[in-house]
Amino acid sequence: MPVVLHRNIDTNTQLAIWKMSEPLEKLLQSGVAIPKNIKSNKRQKEWVCSRLLLKQLTTNTEISYNQYGAPALSNGSAVSISHSHDYCAILVSKQTAAVDLEFISTKADRMKEQFIAKEEVELITKSEISTLIWCAKECLFKIHQKGNLIFKEDLIIKNIEESSINTSLKKTAYTLHFEKFKNHFLVYYFE
């Protein structure tokens, strides 16, 4: 299993990223059960990889999902999962965990009118910042865990610093952490 990053952020928080390079056939030998509604090979691979990576971070714990699709662990810890291209990222923390991993491309910049508010436009100093803003808003969405958010109104990016992003989620302030990871932006929040 190629874990390419494993970091203990503090005593209660772990971040890990796995490069999903194994063929699906080999991953299926692990015995991880895949729900019948997951049909595509890509989604099956993401499902198995996230479960195997989670087993490396926590033992004897099961993952479940609330009515909005937000994951939770049976041991009471918070968990967040993200997939992008060949990578799977997981953040486990005591109370709140949110992680998003996005491949840096021009896609977010082409679609920015759909998710970037007027006051955020000035933050875009180069096209890759649109990807960072999208990634940050996805992270905020995962903090909320209840769906029903309007990305241009409820999720606001105030400013971007060297390795943090000051944000607002329905007028509540959050400071997110971010870094570049192998042509991706990695944005995360934990408590």
N, C-alpha and C. Protein backbone atom coordinates (compact mmCIF):
# COMPACT_ATOMS: atom_id res chain seq x y z
N MET A 1 0.85 -1.18 0.00
CA MET A 1 0.00 0.00 0.00
C MET A 1 0.89 1.24 0.00
N PRO A 2 0.86 2.02 -1.05
CA PRO A 2 1.76 3.17 -1.12
C PRO A 2 1.23 4.42 -0.42
N VAL A 3 1.39 4.48 0.89
CA VAL A 3 1.06 5.69 1.63
C VAL A 3 2.19 6.67 1.36
N VAL A 4 1.84 7.78 0.74
CA VAL A 4 2.86 8.74 0.34
C VAL A 4 2.98 9.90 1.32
N LEU A 5 2.03 9.99 2.24
CA LEU A 5 2.10 11.00 3.30
C LEU A 5 1.35 10.46 4.51
N HIS A 6 1.97 10.54 5.67
CA HIS A 6 1.30 10.22 6.93
C HIS A 6 1.86 11.18 7.96
N ARG A 7 0.97 12.02 8.48
CA ARG A 7 1.41 13.07 9.39
C ARG A 7 0.52 13.08 10.62
N ASN A 8 1.15 13.05 11.79
CA ASN A 8 0.43 13.31 13.04
C ASN A 8 0.46 14.82 13.24
N ILE A 9 -0.65 15.48 12.97
CA ILE A 9 -0.70 16.94 13.05
C ILE A 9 -0.63 17.38 14.51
N ASP A 10 -1.35 16.70 15.36
CA ASP A 10 -1.25 16.88 16.81
C ASP A 10 -1.61 15.54 17.45
N THR A 11 -1.77 15.51 18.76
CA THR A 11 -2.01 14.22 19.43
C THR A 11 -3.36 13.60 19.07
N ASN A 12 -4.29 14.41 18.54
CA ASN A 12 -5.62 13.91 18.20
C ASN A 12 -5.91 13.86 16.71
N THR A 13 -4.95 14.24 15.87
CA THR A 13 -5.25 14.42 14.45
C THR A 13 -4.19 13.78 13.57
N GLN A 14 -4.67 12.96 12.61
CA GLN A 14 -3.79 12.32 11.63
C GLN A 14 -4.28 12.63 10.22
N LEU A 15 -3.31 12.87 9.34
CA LEU A 15 -3.59 13.10 7.93
C LEU A 15 -2.78 12.09 7.14
N ALA A 16 -3.42 11.45 6.17
CA ALA A 16 -2.70 10.48 5.34
C ALA A 16 -3.19 10.55 3.91
N ILE A 17 -2.27 10.29 2.99
CA ILE A 17 -2.59 10.25 1.56
C ILE A 17 -1.99 8.98 0.99
N TRP A 18 -2.78 8.31 0.17
CA TRP A 18 -2.36 7.07 -0.48
C TRP A 18 -2.44 7.25 -1.98
N LYS A 19 -1.40 6.88 -2.69
CA LYS A 19 -1.43 6.86 -4.15
C LYS A 19 -2.06 5.54 -4.57
N MET A 20 -3.20 5.63 -5.22
CA MET A 20 -3.97 4.44 -5.59
C MET A 20 -3.42 3.86 -6.89
N SER A 21 -2.28 3.22 -6.81
CA SER A 21 -1.61 2.71 -8.01
C SER A 21 -1.86 1.23 -8.27
N GLU A 22 -2.39 0.52 -7.30
CA GLU A 22 -2.64 -0.91 -7.47
C GLU A 22 -3.85 -1.13 -8.39
N PRO A 23 -3.83 -2.21 -9.14
CA PRO A 23 -5.02 -2.54 -9.94
C PRO A 23 -6.18 -2.94 -9.01
N LEU A 24 -7.39 -2.67 -9.46
CA LEU A 24 -8.58 -2.99 -8.66
C LEU A 24 -8.61 -4.46 -8.28
N GLU A 25 -8.22 -5.35 -9.18
CA GLU A 25 -8.25 -6.78 -8.91
C GLU A 25 -7.42 -7.13 -7.68
N LYS A 26 -6.27 -6.49 -7.55
CA LYS A 26 -5.41 -6.75 -6.39
C LYS A 26 -6.05 -6.19 -5.11
N LEU A 27 -6.64 -5.02 -5.21
CA LEU A 27 -7.28 -4.40 -4.04
C LEU A 27 -8.46 -5.23 -3.55
N LEU A 28 -9.18 -5.85 -4.47
CA LEU A 28 -10.34 -6.65 -4.09
C LEU A 28 -9.94 -7.87 -3.25
N GLN A 29 -8.69 -8.28 -3.35
CA GLN A 29 -8.20 -9.41 -2.55
C GLN A 29 -8.12 -9.07 -1.06
N SER A 30 -8.22 -7.79 -0.72
CA SER A 30 -8.15 -7.36 0.68
C SER A 30 -9.38 -7.80 1.47
N GLY A 31 -10.46 -8.10 0.76
CA GLY A 31 -11.68 -8.52 1.44
C GLY A 31 -12.61 -7.38 1.83
N VAL A 32 -12.28 -6.15 1.47
CA VAL A 32 -13.16 -5.02 1.77
C VAL A 32 -14.43 -5.16 0.94
N ALA A 33 -15.56 -5.15 1.60
CA ALA A 33 -16.86 -5.27 0.92
C ALA A 33 -17.22 -3.96 0.24
N ILE A 34 -17.68 -4.05 -0.98
CA ILE A 34 -18.09 -2.88 -1.74
C ILE A 34 -19.60 -2.89 -1.86
N PRO A 35 -20.27 -1.78 -1.52
CA PRO A 35 -21.73 -1.73 -1.69
C PRO A 35 -22.14 -1.99 -3.13
N LYS A 36 -23.25 -2.65 -3.31
CA LYS A 36 -23.71 -3.05 -4.64
C LYS A 36 -24.02 -1.87 -5.55
N ASN A 37 -24.35 -0.71 -4.96
CA ASN A 37 -24.68 0.45 -5.79
C ASN A 37 -23.45 1.14 -6.38
N ILE A 38 -22.25 0.76 -5.98
CA ILE A 38 -21.03 1.33 -6.56
C ILE A 38 -20.62 0.46 -7.73
N LYS A 39 -20.83 0.96 -8.91
CA LYS A 39 -20.63 0.16 -10.13
C LYS A 39 -19.30 0.43 -10.84
N SER A 40 -18.86 1.68 -10.90
CA SER A 40 -17.67 1.99 -11.70
C SER A 40 -16.39 1.50 -11.01
N ASN A 41 -15.45 1.09 -11.80
CA ASN A 41 -14.16 0.62 -11.26
C ASN A 41 -13.47 1.71 -10.47
N LYS A 42 -13.55 2.95 -10.95
CA LYS A 42 -12.90 4.08 -10.26
C LYS A 42 -13.47 4.25 -8.86
N ARG A 43 -14.80 4.27 -8.74
CA ARG A 43 -15.44 4.44 -7.43
C ARG A 43 -15.18 3.23 -6.53
N GLN A 44 -15.16 2.02 -7.09
CA GLN A 44 -14.84 0.84 -6.29
C GLN A 44 -13.43 0.95 -5.72
N LYS A 45 -12.51 1.38 -6.56
CA LYS A 45 -11.12 1.52 -6.13
C LYS A 45 -11.01 2.57 -5.01
N GLU A 46 -11.71 3.68 -5.16
CA GLU A 46 -11.70 4.72 -4.13
C GLU A 46 -12.28 4.19 -2.82
N TRP A 47 -13.35 3.41 -2.91
CA TRP A 47 -13.99 2.85 -1.72
C TRP A 47 -13.02 1.94 -0.98
N VAL A 48 -12.42 1.00 -1.69
CA VAL A 48 -11.51 0.04 -1.06
C VAL A 48 -10.29 0.77 -0.50
N CYS A 49 -9.70 1.65 -1.27
CA CYS A 49 -8.50 2.36 -0.81
C CYS A 49 -8.76 3.19 0.43
N SER A 50 -9.90 3.88 0.48
CA SER A 50 -10.20 4.69 1.66
C SER A 50 -10.37 3.81 2.90
N ARG A 51 -10.97 2.64 2.75
CA ARG A 51 -11.14 1.74 3.90
C ARG A 51 -9.81 1.15 4.36
N LEU A 52 -8.96 0.80 3.41
CA LEU A 52 -7.64 0.26 3.78
C LEU A 52 -6.76 1.33 4.44
N LEU A 53 -6.83 2.54 3.93
CA LEU A 53 -6.05 3.63 4.53
C LEU A 53 -6.57 3.94 5.93
N LEU A 54 -7.88 3.95 6.09
CA LEU A 54 -8.47 4.21 7.40
C LEU A 54 -8.02 3.16 8.42
N LYS A 55 -7.91 1.89 7.99
CA LYS A 55 -7.45 0.83 8.89
C LYS A 55 -6.02 1.08 9.38
N GLN A 56 -5.23 1.76 8.58
CA GLN A 56 -3.87 2.09 9.02
C GLN A 56 -3.86 3.22 10.06
N LEU A 57 -4.89 4.06 10.02
CA LEU A 57 -4.94 5.20 10.94
C LEU A 57 -5.66 4.88 12.25
N THR A 58 -6.68 4.04 12.17
CA THR A 58 -7.45 3.68 13.36
C THR A 58 -7.72 2.18 13.34
N THR A 59 -7.79 1.60 14.48
CA THR A 59 -8.07 0.16 14.55
C THR A 59 -9.45 -0.07 15.16
N ASN A 60 -10.06 -1.17 14.77
CA ASN A 60 -11.35 -1.59 15.33
C ASN A 60 -12.41 -0.50 15.29
N THR A 61 -12.51 0.17 14.18
CA THR A 61 -13.53 1.20 14.04
C THR A 61 -14.23 1.04 12.69
N GLU A 62 -15.49 1.34 12.69
CA GLU A 62 -16.30 1.26 11.48
C GLU A 62 -16.70 2.66 11.05
N ILE A 63 -16.94 2.81 9.76
CA ILE A 63 -17.36 4.09 9.23
C ILE A 63 -18.83 4.01 8.86
N SER A 64 -19.56 5.07 9.19
CA SER A 64 -20.97 5.17 8.81
C SER A 64 -21.19 6.57 8.23
N TYR A 65 -22.39 6.80 7.69
CA TYR A 65 -22.69 8.08 7.05
C TYR A 65 -24.00 8.63 7.58
N ASN A 66 -24.04 9.96 7.79
CA ASN A 66 -25.30 10.57 8.23
C ASN A 66 -26.22 10.75 7.03
N GLN A 67 -27.39 11.32 7.25
CA GLN A 67 -28.39 11.45 6.19
C GLN A 67 -27.94 12.34 5.04
N TYR A 68 -26.89 13.15 5.26
CA TYR A 68 -26.38 14.03 4.21
C TYR A 68 -25.13 13.46 3.54
N GLY A 69 -24.73 12.26 3.96
CA GLY A 69 -23.57 11.62 3.36
C GLY A 69 -22.25 11.92 4.04
N ALA A 70 -22.28 12.59 5.18
CA ALA A 70 -21.05 12.90 5.91
C ALA A 70 -20.61 11.69 6.73
N PRO A 71 -19.33 11.32 6.65
CA PRO A 71 -18.86 10.13 7.37
C PRO A 71 -18.60 10.38 8.85
N ALA A 72 -18.70 9.32 9.64
CA ALA A 72 -18.39 9.35 11.07
C ALA A 72 -17.79 8.00 11.44
N LEU A 73 -17.00 7.98 12.50
CA LEU A 73 -16.37 6.74 12.96
C LEU A 73 -17.06 6.22 14.21
N SER A 74 -17.09 4.91 14.35
CA SER A 74 -17.76 4.28 15.48
C SER A 74 -17.06 4.56 16.81
N ASN A 75 -15.78 4.97 16.78
CA ASN A 75 -15.08 5.27 18.03
C ASN A 75 -15.29 6.71 18.49
N GLY A 76 -16.15 7.47 17.78
CA GLY A 76 -16.46 8.84 18.17
C GLY A 76 -15.59 9.90 17.52
N SER A 77 -14.53 9.50 16.87
CA SER A 77 -13.68 10.46 16.18
C SER A 77 -14.36 10.92 14.89
N ALA A 78 -13.94 12.09 14.44
CA ALA A 78 -14.43 12.62 13.16
C ALA A 78 -13.49 12.15 12.06
N VAL A 79 -14.04 11.99 10.85
CA VAL A 79 -13.24 11.56 9.71
C VAL A 79 -13.72 12.31 8.47
N SER A 80 -12.79 12.57 7.58
CA SER A 80 -13.12 13.16 6.29
C SER A 80 -12.28 12.47 5.23
N ILE A 81 -12.88 12.27 4.05
CA ILE A 81 -12.22 11.53 2.97
C ILE A 81 -12.33 12.35 1.69
N SER A 82 -11.26 12.35 0.91
CA SER A 82 -11.28 13.02 -0.39
C SER A 82 -10.50 12.19 -1.39
N HIS A 83 -10.94 12.24 -2.64
CA HIS A 83 -10.25 11.54 -3.74
C HIS A 83 -9.99 12.53 -4.85
N SER A 84 -8.84 12.40 -5.48
CA SER A 84 -8.54 13.20 -6.66
C SER A 84 -7.55 12.45 -7.51
N HIS A 85 -7.95 12.16 -8.72
CA HIS A 85 -7.12 11.40 -9.66
C HIS A 85 -6.65 10.11 -9.00
N ASP A 86 -5.36 9.92 -8.80
CA ASP A 86 -4.85 8.67 -8.23
C ASP A 86 -4.58 8.76 -6.73
N TYR A 87 -5.14 9.73 -6.05
CA TYR A 87 -4.85 9.90 -4.63
C TYR A 87 -6.12 9.84 -3.78
N CYS A 88 -5.96 9.30 -2.59
CA CYS A 88 -7.01 9.25 -1.58
C CYS A 88 -6.45 9.90 -0.32
N ALA A 89 -7.15 10.88 0.22
CA ALA A 89 -6.72 11.57 1.44
C ALA A 89 -7.74 11.32 2.55
N ILE A 90 -7.22 11.12 3.76
CA ILE A 90 -8.08 10.94 4.93
C ILE A 90 -7.53 11.78 6.08
N LEU A 91 -8.45 12.47 6.77
CA LEU A 91 -8.12 13.22 7.97
C LEU A 91 -8.99 12.67 9.09
N VAL A 92 -8.37 12.29 10.19
CA VAL A 92 -9.08 11.80 11.37
C VAL A 92 -8.72 12.73 12.52
N SER A 93 -9.73 13.22 13.24
CA SER A 93 -9.49 14.11 14.37
C SER A 93 -10.54 13.86 15.45
N LYS A 94 -10.33 14.47 16.59
CA LYS A 94 -11.18 14.21 17.75
C LYS A 94 -12.62 14.69 17.55
N GLN A 95 -12.80 15.99 17.17
CA GLN A 95 -14.15 16.55 17.10
C GLN A 95 -14.62 16.85 15.68
N THR A 96 -13.78 17.53 14.90
CA THR A 96 -14.14 17.93 13.55
C THR A 96 -12.99 17.62 12.62
N ALA A 97 -13.31 17.05 11.47
CA ALA A 97 -12.30 16.77 10.45
C ALA A 97 -12.90 17.08 9.08
N ALA A 98 -12.16 17.84 8.28
CA ALA A 98 -12.58 18.13 6.92
C ALA A 98 -11.34 18.23 6.05
N VAL A 99 -11.34 17.50 4.94
CA VAL A 99 -10.21 17.53 4.02
C VAL A 99 -10.73 17.52 2.59
N ASP A 100 -10.03 18.25 1.73
CA ASP A 100 -10.32 18.17 0.31
C ASP A 100 -9.01 18.22 -0.45
N LEU A 101 -8.92 17.40 -1.47
CA LEU A 101 -7.75 17.29 -2.32
C LEU A 101 -8.23 17.50 -3.75
N GLU A 102 -7.66 18.49 -4.43
CA GLU A 102 -8.09 18.82 -5.80
C GLU A 102 -6.89 18.96 -6.71
N PHE A 103 -6.97 18.34 -7.87
CA PHE A 103 -5.95 18.45 -8.89
C PHE A 103 -5.96 19.88 -9.44
N ILE A 104 -4.79 20.50 -9.52
CA ILE A 104 -4.70 21.87 -10.02
C ILE A 104 -4.82 21.85 -11.54
N SER A 105 -5.87 22.48 -12.04
CA SER A 105 -6.12 22.55 -13.49
C SER A 105 -6.86 23.84 -13.79
N THR A 106 -7.22 24.03 -15.03
CA THR A 106 -7.96 25.23 -15.42
C THR A 106 -9.47 25.05 -15.26
N LYS A 107 -9.91 23.86 -14.90
CA LYS A 107 -11.35 23.58 -14.79
C LYS A 107 -12.05 24.54 -13.82
N ALA A 108 -11.51 24.70 -12.62
CA ALA A 108 -12.14 25.58 -11.63
C ALA A 108 -12.16 27.03 -12.11
N ASP A 109 -11.08 27.44 -12.79
CA ASP A 109 -11.02 28.81 -13.29
C ASP A 109 -12.09 29.03 -14.37
N ARG A 110 -12.33 28.03 -15.20
CA ARG A 110 -13.36 28.15 -16.24
C ARG A 110 -14.77 28.20 -15.64
N MET A 111 -14.94 27.60 -14.46
CA MET A 111 -16.27 27.51 -13.84
C MET A 111 -16.44 28.46 -12.66
N LYS A 112 -15.50 29.38 -12.45
CA LYS A 112 -15.49 30.20 -11.24
C LYS A 112 -16.75 31.03 -11.02
N GLU A 113 -17.45 31.42 -12.09
CA GLU A 113 -18.68 32.22 -11.93
C GLU A 113 -19.74 31.45 -11.14
N GLN A 114 -19.64 30.14 -11.13
CA GLN A 114 -20.64 29.32 -10.44
C GLN A 114 -20.42 29.24 -8.93
N PHE A 115 -19.19 29.50 -8.44
CA PHE A 115 -18.94 29.30 -7.01
C PHE A 115 -18.16 30.42 -6.33
N ILE A 116 -17.65 31.37 -7.09
CA ILE A 116 -16.85 32.45 -6.50
C ILE A 116 -17.71 33.71 -6.39
N ALA A 117 -17.79 34.25 -5.17
CA ALA A 117 -18.57 35.47 -4.91
C ALA A 117 -17.79 36.70 -5.41
N LYS A 118 -18.51 37.79 -5.61
CA LYS A 118 -17.90 39.03 -6.13
C LYS A 118 -16.71 39.47 -5.28
N GLU A 119 -16.84 39.39 -3.96
CA GLU A 119 -15.76 39.85 -3.08
C GLU A 119 -14.55 38.92 -3.10
N GLU A 120 -14.67 37.74 -3.68
CA GLU A 120 -13.55 36.79 -3.76
C GLU A 120 -12.74 36.92 -5.04
N VAL A 121 -13.29 37.59 -6.05
CA VAL A 121 -12.63 37.68 -7.36
C VAL A 121 -11.24 38.27 -7.24
N GLU A 122 -11.06 39.27 -6.39
CA GLU A 122 -9.76 39.93 -6.24
C GLU A 122 -8.68 39.01 -5.67
N LEU A 123 -9.07 37.89 -5.08
CA LEU A 123 -8.10 36.93 -4.54
C LEU A 123 -7.43 36.12 -5.64
N ILE A 124 -8.05 36.08 -6.81
CA ILE A 124 -7.54 35.25 -7.92
C ILE A 124 -6.43 36.00 -8.65
N THR A 125 -5.21 35.79 -8.20
CA THR A 125 -4.04 36.44 -8.81
C THR A 125 -3.46 35.61 -9.95
N LYS A 126 -3.78 34.32 -9.97
CA LYS A 126 -3.44 33.43 -11.08
C LYS A 126 -4.49 32.34 -11.12
N SER A 127 -4.62 31.67 -12.26
CA SER A 127 -5.75 30.75 -12.46
C SER A 127 -5.79 29.61 -11.45
N GLU A 128 -4.65 29.16 -10.95
CA GLU A 128 -4.69 28.04 -9.99
C GLU A 128 -5.36 28.41 -8.68
N ILE A 129 -5.46 29.70 -8.38
CA ILE A 129 -6.13 30.12 -7.14
C ILE A 129 -7.61 29.76 -7.18
N SER A 130 -8.20 29.69 -8.37
CA SER A 130 -9.60 29.24 -8.47
C SER A 130 -9.73 27.81 -7.95
N THR A 131 -8.75 26.95 -8.25
CA THR A 131 -8.77 25.58 -7.73
C THR A 131 -8.65 25.60 -6.21
N LEU A 132 -7.79 26.46 -5.67
CA LEU A 132 -7.62 26.55 -4.22
C LEU A 132 -8.92 27.01 -3.56
N ILE A 133 -9.58 27.99 -4.14
CA ILE A 133 -10.85 28.47 -3.58
C ILE A 133 -11.91 27.37 -3.62
N TRP A 134 -11.99 26.65 -4.74
CA TRP A 134 -12.94 25.53 -4.83
C TRP A 134 -12.63 24.49 -3.75
N CYS A 135 -11.37 24.16 -3.59
CA CYS A 135 -10.94 23.18 -2.60
C CYS A 135 -11.32 23.64 -1.18
N ALA A 136 -11.10 24.92 -0.90
CA ALA A 136 -11.44 25.48 0.42
C ALA A 136 -12.95 25.42 0.66
N LYS A 137 -13.72 25.71 -0.36
CA LYS A 137 -15.18 25.67 -0.20
C LYS A 137 -15.68 24.24 -0.02
N GLU A 138 -15.05 23.29 -0.69
CA GLU A 138 -15.39 21.88 -0.47
C GLU A 138 -15.07 21.49 0.98
N CYS A 139 -13.97 21.97 1.50
CA CYS A 139 -13.59 21.69 2.89
C CYS A 139 -14.63 22.28 3.85
N LEU A 140 -15.05 23.51 3.61
CA LEU A 140 -16.09 24.13 4.43
C LEU A 140 -17.39 23.34 4.36
N PHE A 141 -17.75 22.89 3.16
CA PHE A 141 -18.95 22.07 2.98
C PHE A 141 -18.88 20.83 3.86
N LYS A 142 -17.70 20.23 3.96
CA LYS A 142 -17.52 19.03 4.78
C LYS A 142 -17.56 19.35 6.27
N ILE A 143 -17.16 20.55 6.66
CA ILE A 143 -17.30 20.96 8.06
C ILE A 143 -18.78 21.05 8.42
N HIS A 144 -19.57 21.60 7.53
CA HIS A 144 -21.01 21.83 7.77
C HIS A 144 -21.77 20.52 7.96
N GLN A 145 -21.50 19.52 7.16
CA GLN A 145 -22.08 18.17 7.23
C GLN A 145 -23.60 18.10 7.14
N LYS A 146 -24.22 19.15 6.61
CA LYS A 146 -25.68 19.12 6.52
C LYS A 146 -26.20 19.45 5.13
N GLY A 147 -25.32 19.64 4.17
CA GLY A 147 -25.78 19.97 2.83
C GLY A 147 -26.47 21.31 2.77
N ASN A 148 -27.23 21.53 1.71
CA ASN A 148 -28.05 22.74 1.55
C ASN A 148 -27.30 24.04 1.75
N LEU A 149 -26.15 24.17 1.10
CA LEU A 149 -25.38 25.41 1.15
C LEU A 149 -25.29 26.00 -0.24
N ILE A 150 -25.25 27.31 -0.30
CA ILE A 150 -25.03 28.02 -1.55
C ILE A 150 -23.58 28.49 -1.52
N PHE A 151 -22.76 27.94 -2.41
CA PHE A 151 -21.31 28.17 -2.36
C PHE A 151 -20.94 29.65 -2.48
N LYS A 152 -21.69 30.44 -3.25
CA LYS A 152 -21.36 31.85 -3.43
C LYS A 152 -21.86 32.73 -2.29
N GLU A 153 -22.78 32.21 -1.46
CA GLU A 153 -23.35 33.02 -0.39
C GLU A 153 -22.96 32.53 1.01
N ASP A 154 -22.97 31.23 1.20
CA ASP A 154 -22.75 30.67 2.53
C ASP A 154 -21.29 30.34 2.83
N LEU A 155 -20.48 30.15 1.79
CA LEU A 155 -19.08 29.77 1.94
C LEU A 155 -18.22 30.88 1.34
N ILE A 156 -17.60 31.68 2.19
CA ILE A 156 -16.87 32.85 1.73
C ILE A 156 -15.39 32.74 2.12
N ILE A 157 -14.53 33.02 1.15
CA ILE A 157 -13.09 33.06 1.38
C ILE A 157 -12.72 34.52 1.64
N LYS A 158 -12.20 34.81 2.82
CA LYS A 158 -11.86 36.19 3.21
C LYS A 158 -10.49 36.58 2.68
N ASN A 159 -9.49 35.75 2.96
CA ASN A 159 -8.14 36.00 2.44
C ASN A 159 -7.32 34.72 2.49
N ILE A 160 -6.29 34.72 1.65
CA ILE A 160 -5.39 33.57 1.53
C ILE A 160 -4.01 34.01 1.98
N GLU A 161 -3.46 33.30 2.96
CA GLU A 161 -2.12 33.61 3.45
C GLU A 161 -1.16 32.53 2.97
N GLU A 162 0.03 32.47 3.53
CA GLU A 162 1.05 31.54 3.06
C GLU A 162 0.64 30.08 3.13
N SER A 163 0.02 29.68 4.23
CA SER A 163 -0.41 28.29 4.37
C SER A 163 -1.78 28.16 5.05
N SER A 164 -2.52 29.27 5.09
CA SER A 164 -3.85 29.24 5.70
C SER A 164 -4.81 30.11 4.90
N ILE A 165 -6.08 29.81 5.09
CA ILE A 165 -7.15 30.53 4.40
C ILE A 165 -8.17 30.93 5.45
N ASN A 166 -8.46 32.21 5.55
CA ASN A 166 -9.49 32.70 6.46
C ASN A 166 -10.82 32.70 5.73
N THR A 167 -11.81 32.06 6.33
CA THR A 167 -13.07 31.83 5.65
C THR A 167 -14.25 32.13 6.56
N SER A 168 -15.43 32.04 5.96
CA SER A 168 -16.67 32.18 6.70
C SER A 168 -17.65 31.12 6.19
N LEU A 169 -18.23 30.38 7.10
CA LEU A 169 -19.26 29.39 6.79
C LEU A 169 -20.53 29.84 7.48
N LYS A 170 -21.47 30.35 6.71
CA LYS A 170 -22.70 30.92 7.27
C LYS A 170 -22.39 31.89 8.39
N LYS A 171 -21.43 32.78 8.12
CA LYS A 171 -21.00 33.87 9.00
C LYS A 171 -20.19 33.43 10.22
N THR A 172 -19.81 32.15 10.30
CA THR A 172 -18.92 31.67 11.35
C THR A 172 -17.52 31.56 10.76
N ALA A 173 -16.54 32.14 11.43
CA ALA A 173 -15.17 32.17 10.91
C ALA A 173 -14.45 30.85 11.12
N TYR A 174 -13.69 30.42 10.11
CA TYR A 174 -12.84 29.24 10.17
C TYR A 174 -11.52 29.57 9.50
N THR A 175 -10.45 29.06 10.07
CA THR A 175 -9.14 29.15 9.43
C THR A 175 -8.76 27.76 8.96
N LEU A 176 -8.62 27.62 7.64
CA LEU A 176 -8.26 26.34 7.02
C LEU A 176 -6.76 26.32 6.76
N HIS A 177 -6.19 25.14 6.77
CA HIS A 177 -4.78 24.95 6.42
C HIS A 177 -4.71 24.46 4.98
N PHE A 178 -3.64 24.85 4.27
CA PHE A 178 -3.49 24.34 2.92
C PHE A 178 -2.02 24.20 2.55
N GLU A 179 -1.80 23.34 1.56
CA GLU A 179 -0.47 23.15 0.99
C GLU A 179 -0.62 22.55 -0.40
N LYS A 180 0.44 22.65 -1.17
CA LYS A 180 0.47 21.98 -2.46
C LYS A 180 1.02 20.59 -2.23
N PHE A 181 0.42 19.62 -2.92
CA PHE A 181 0.87 18.24 -2.83
C PHE A 181 0.82 17.63 -4.22
N LYS A 182 1.96 17.45 -4.85
CA LYS A 182 2.05 16.77 -6.15
C LYS A 182 0.99 17.21 -7.16
N ASN A 183 1.03 18.47 -7.55
CA ASN A 183 0.08 19.05 -8.52
C ASN A 183 -1.36 19.09 -8.02
N HIS A 184 -1.54 19.05 -6.72
CA HIS A 184 -2.85 19.15 -6.09
C HIS A 184 -2.80 20.24 -5.02
N PHE A 185 -3.96 20.76 -4.67
CA PHE A 185 -4.10 21.53 -3.45
C PHE A 185 -4.73 20.63 -2.41
N LEU A 186 -4.19 20.67 -1.21
CA LEU A 186 -4.70 19.93 -0.06
C LEU A 186 -5.15 20.97 0.96
N VAL A 187 -6.44 20.98 1.27
CA VAL A 187 -7.00 21.92 2.25
C VAL A 187 -7.64 21.10 3.35
N TYR A 188 -7.38 21.48 4.62
CA TYR A 188 -7.95 20.71 5.71
C TYR A 188 -8.23 21.57 6.94
N TYR A 189 -9.11 21.06 7.78
CA TYR A 189 -9.51 21.71 9.03
C TYR A 189 -9.73 20.62 10.06
N PHE A 190 -9.34 20.89 11.31
CA PHE A 190 -9.53 19.91 12.37
C PHE A 190 -9.72 20.60 13.70
N GLU A 191 -10.40 19.90 14.60
CA GLU A 191 -10.55 20.32 16.02
C GLU A 191 -10.32 19.09 16.85
